[in-house]
Amino acid sequence: MNKKKQIETILTLLAGGSLSIEQISDRLGFTIERRTLQRRLKELKEDNRIAVSGDARATRYSLKEKQQDLPKEQEDLVPLSPEGKEILGFITKPVAKRKPVSYNRLFLEHYRPHIDR
């Protein structure tokens, strides 16, 4: 069986959920050396097609969830200024990667509802 067919079969198996290398090997339906299977899985990981979790005997392989990328024409439906793009970049970052900020206490103490904007 050629390499492309092997990879397609592995991806089909992983569509059913997370599997260990032993489970993949048992369900393939053809004979493949363990080292060759490891190479195929490594290639799929490097191509960002599968996710790998765990270590050593607890390693599990699963399909990566595809990100919904907007087509280029939909990205620019609302044109943004450079400042707007900077803000968009900031708010789309994961919370853990954002720089923490605190409240300006004086602003809160001197704020007058319905008067200050």
C-alpha atoms as a PDB file:
ATOM      1  CA  MET A   1       0.000   0.000   0.000  1.00  0.00           C
ATOM      2  CA  ASN A   2       1.404   3.399  -0.918  1.00  0.00           C
ATOM      3  CA  LYS A   3       2.110   6.198   1.519  1.00  0.00           C
ATOM      4  CA  LYS A   4      -0.844   8.360   0.432  1.00  0.00           C
ATOM      5  CA  LYS A   5      -3.345   5.524   0.998  1.00  0.00           C
ATOM      6  CA  GLN A   6      -1.798   4.779   4.396  1.00  0.00           C
ATOM      7  CA  ILE A   7      -2.194   8.414   5.469  1.00  0.00           C
ATOM      8  CA  GLU A   8      -5.793   8.568   4.187  1.00  0.00           C
ATOM      9  CA  THR A   9      -6.637   5.411   6.138  1.00  0.00           C
ATOM     10  CA  ILE A  10      -5.047   6.785   9.322  1.00  0.00           C
ATOM     11  CA  LEU A  11      -7.015  10.040   8.987  1.00  0.00           C
ATOM     12  CA  THR A  12     -10.241   8.086   8.435  1.00  0.00           C
ATOM     13  CA  LEU A  13      -9.623   6.125  11.636  1.00  0.00           C
ATOM     14  CA  LEU A  14      -8.895   9.290  13.616  1.00  0.00           C
ATOM     15  CA  ALA A  15     -12.158  10.839  12.439  1.00  0.00           C
ATOM     16  CA  GLY A  16     -13.815   8.446  14.886  1.00  0.00           C
ATOM     17  CA  GLY A  17     -12.019   9.943  17.881  1.00  0.00           C
ATOM     18  CA  SER A  18      -8.764   9.903  19.807  1.00  0.00           C
ATOM     19  CA  LEU A  19      -6.693   6.703  19.470  1.00  0.00           C
ATOM     20  CA  SER A  20      -3.399   5.309  20.718  1.00  0.00           C
ATOM     21  CA  ILE A  21      -0.796   4.006  18.262  1.00  0.00           C
ATOM     22  CA  GLU A  22      -1.729   0.432  19.208  1.00  0.00           C
ATOM     23  CA  GLN A  23      -5.396   1.072  18.473  1.00  0.00           C
ATOM     24  CA  ILE A  24      -4.522   2.664  15.131  1.00  0.00           C
ATOM     25  CA  SER A  25      -2.280  -0.275  14.207  1.00  0.00           C
ATOM     26  CA  ASP A  26      -4.966  -2.824  15.140  1.00  0.00           C
ATOM     27  CA  ARG A  27      -7.689  -1.075  13.127  1.00  0.00           C
ATOM     28  CA  LEU A  28      -5.741  -0.230   9.961  1.00  0.00           C
ATOM     29  CA  GLY A  29      -6.722  -3.337   8.030  1.00  0.00           C
ATOM     30  CA  PHE A  30      -3.231  -3.760   6.586  1.00  0.00           C
ATOM     31  CA  THR A  31       0.193  -4.589   7.997  1.00  0.00           C
ATOM     32  CA  ILE A  32       2.556  -1.705   8.679  1.00  0.00           C
ATOM     33  CA  GLU A  33       5.758  -1.600  10.694  1.00  0.00           C
ATOM     34  CA  ARG A  34       5.369   0.300  13.963  1.00  0.00           C
ATOM     35  CA  ARG A  35       8.241   2.639  13.052  1.00  0.00           C
ATOM     36  CA  THR A  36       6.618   3.430   9.687  1.00  0.00           C
ATOM     37  CA  LEU A  37       3.339   4.189  11.445  1.00  0.00           C
ATOM     38  CA  GLN A  38       5.210   6.480  13.840  1.00  0.00           C
ATOM     39  CA  ARG A  39       6.713   8.314  10.854  1.00  0.00           C
ATOM     40  CA  ARG A  40       3.287   8.736   9.219  1.00  0.00           C
ATOM     41  CA  LEU A  41       1.856  10.127  12.468  1.00  0.00           C
ATOM     42  CA  LYS A  42       4.833  12.461  12.848  1.00  0.00           C
ATOM     43  CA  GLU A  43       4.294  13.775   9.301  1.00  0.00           C
ATOM     44  CA  LEU A  44       0.610  14.378   9.993  1.00  0.00           C
ATOM     45  CA  LYS A  45       1.492  16.255  13.180  1.00  0.00           C
ATOM     46  CA  GLU A  46       4.081  18.403  11.385  1.00  0.00           C
ATOM     47  CA  ASP A  47       1.499  19.164   8.659  1.00  0.00           C
ATOM     48  CA  ASN A  48      -0.832  20.309  11.454  1.00  0.00           C
ATOM     49  CA  ARG A  49      -3.476  17.748  10.471  1.00  0.00           C
ATOM     50  CA  ILE A  50      -3.579  15.842  13.777  1.00  0.00           C
ATOM     51  CA  ALA A  51      -3.268  16.706  17.449  1.00  0.00           C
ATOM     52  CA  VAL A  52      -1.044  14.689  19.782  1.00  0.00           C
ATOM     53  CA  SER A  53      -1.603  14.545  23.529  1.00  0.00           C
ATOM     54  CA  GLY A  54       0.056  12.620  26.324  1.00  0.00           C
ATOM     55  CA  ASP A  55       3.500  11.062  26.587  1.00  0.00           C
ATOM     56  CA  ALA A  56       5.058   7.678  25.935  1.00  0.00           C
ATOM     57  CA  ARG A  57       2.451   4.898  26.270  1.00  0.00           C
ATOM     58  CA  ALA A  58      -0.316   7.387  27.025  1.00  0.00           C
ATOM     59  CA  THR A  59       0.110   9.232  23.699  1.00  0.00           C
ATOM     60  CA  ARG A  60      -3.192   9.782  21.890  1.00  0.00           C
ATOM     61  CA  TYR A  61      -3.736  10.969  18.329  1.00  0.00           C
ATOM     62  CA  SER A  62      -6.811  12.800  17.082  1.00  0.00           C
ATOM     63  CA  LEU A  63      -7.857  14.976  14.161  1.00  0.00           C
ATOM     64  CA  LYS A  64      -7.276  18.696  14.571  1.00  0.00           C
ATOM     65  CA  GLU A  65     -10.380  20.819  14.625  1.00  0.00           C
ATOM     66  CA  LYS A  66     -10.378  23.029  11.593  1.00  0.00           C
ATOM     67  CA  GLN A  67     -10.406  26.739  12.268  1.00  0.00           C
ATOM     68  CA  GLN A  68     -13.086  28.638  10.429  1.00  0.00           C
ATOM     69  CA  ASP A  69     -11.014  31.000   8.323  1.00  0.00           C
ATOM     70  CA  LEU A  70     -12.918  33.763   6.622  1.00  0.00           C
ATOM     71  CA  PRO A  71     -12.384  34.160   2.908  1.00  0.00           C
ATOM     72  CA  LYS A  72     -10.276  37.220   2.096  1.00  0.00           C
ATOM     73  CA  GLU A  73     -13.265  39.130   0.704  1.00  0.00           C
ATOM     74  CA  GLN A  74     -15.176  38.679   3.997  1.00  0.00           C
ATOM     75  CA  GLU A  75     -12.239  39.771   6.156  1.00  0.00           C
ATOM     76  CA  ASP A  76     -12.400  43.277   4.751  1.00  0.00           C
ATOM     77  CA  LEU A  77     -16.192  43.760   4.818  1.00  0.00           C
ATOM     78  CA  VAL A  78     -15.746  46.464   7.434  1.00  0.00           C
ATOM     79  CA  PRO A  79     -12.611  48.455   6.672  1.00  0.00           C
ATOM     80  CA  LEU A  80     -10.592  49.177   9.796  1.00  0.00           C
ATOM     81  CA  SER A  81      -8.148  51.958  10.526  1.00  0.00           C
ATOM     82  CA  PRO A  82      -4.646  50.971  11.633  1.00  0.00           C
ATOM     83  CA  GLU A  83      -5.731  51.713  15.216  1.00  0.00           C
ATOM     84  CA  GLY A  84      -8.824  49.535  14.757  1.00  0.00           C
ATOM     85  CA  LYS A  85      -6.703  46.668  13.415  1.00  0.00           C
ATOM     86  CA  GLU A  86      -4.426  47.010  16.448  1.00  0.00           C
ATOM     87  CA  ILE A  87      -7.431  46.806  18.784  1.00  0.00           C
ATOM     88  CA  LEU A  88      -8.851  43.838  16.875  1.00  0.00           C
ATOM     89  CA  GLY A  89      -5.480  42.089  17.180  1.00  0.00           C
ATOM     90  CA  PHE A  90      -5.492  42.752  20.911  1.00  0.00           C
ATOM     91  CA  ILE A  91      -9.024  41.504  21.625  1.00  0.00           C
ATOM     92  CA  THR A  92      -8.573  38.345  19.563  1.00  0.00           C
ATOM     93  CA  LYS A  93      -5.529  37.296  21.626  1.00  0.00           C
ATOM     94  CA  PRO A  94      -6.126  34.666  24.303  1.00  0.00           C
ATOM     95  CA  VAL A  95      -6.724  36.314  27.690  1.00  0.00           C
ATOM     96  CA  ALA A  96      -3.592  34.720  29.131  1.00  0.00           C
ATOM     97  CA  LYS A  97      -1.432  36.478  26.517  1.00  0.00           C
ATOM     98  CA  ARG A  98      -2.845  39.971  27.164  1.00  0.00           C
ATOM     99  CA  LYS A  99      -1.027  42.521  29.285  1.00  0.00           C
ATOM    100  CA  PRO A 100      -2.957  42.978  32.536  1.00  0.00           C
ATOM    101  CA  VAL A 101      -4.213  46.499  33.291  1.00  0.00           C
ATOM    102  CA  SER A 102      -5.922  47.999  36.312  1.00  0.00           C
ATOM    103  CA  TYR A 103      -8.597  50.635  36.765  1.00  0.00           C
ATOM    104  CA  ASN A 104      -7.702  54.288  37.073  1.00  0.00           C
ATOM    105  CA  ARG A 105      -9.096  54.873  40.548  1.00  0.00           C
ATOM    106  CA  LEU A 106      -9.321  58.685  40.102  1.00  0.00           C
ATOM    107  CA  PHE A 107     -11.409  58.264  36.965  1.00  0.00           C
ATOM    108  CA  LEU A 108     -13.860  56.041  38.813  1.00  0.00           C
ATOM    109  CA  GLU A 109     -14.088  58.376  41.794  1.00  0.00           C
ATOM    110  CA  HIS A 110     -14.704  61.501  39.696  1.00  0.00           C
ATOM    111  CA  TYR A 111     -17.035  59.985  37.111  1.00  0.00           C
ATOM    112  CA  ARG A 112     -20.505  61.614  36.951  1.00  0.00           C
ATOM    113  CA  PRO A 113     -23.158  59.394  35.341  1.00  0.00           C
ATOM    114  CA  HIS A 114     -25.064  60.951  32.410  1.00  0.00           C
ATOM    115  CA  ILE A 115     -22.720  63.971  32.466  1.00  0.00           C
ATOM    116  CA  ASP A 116     -19.269  62.605  31.656  1.00  0.00           C
ATOM    117  CA  ARG A 117     -18.762  60.575  28.512  1.00  0.00           C
END
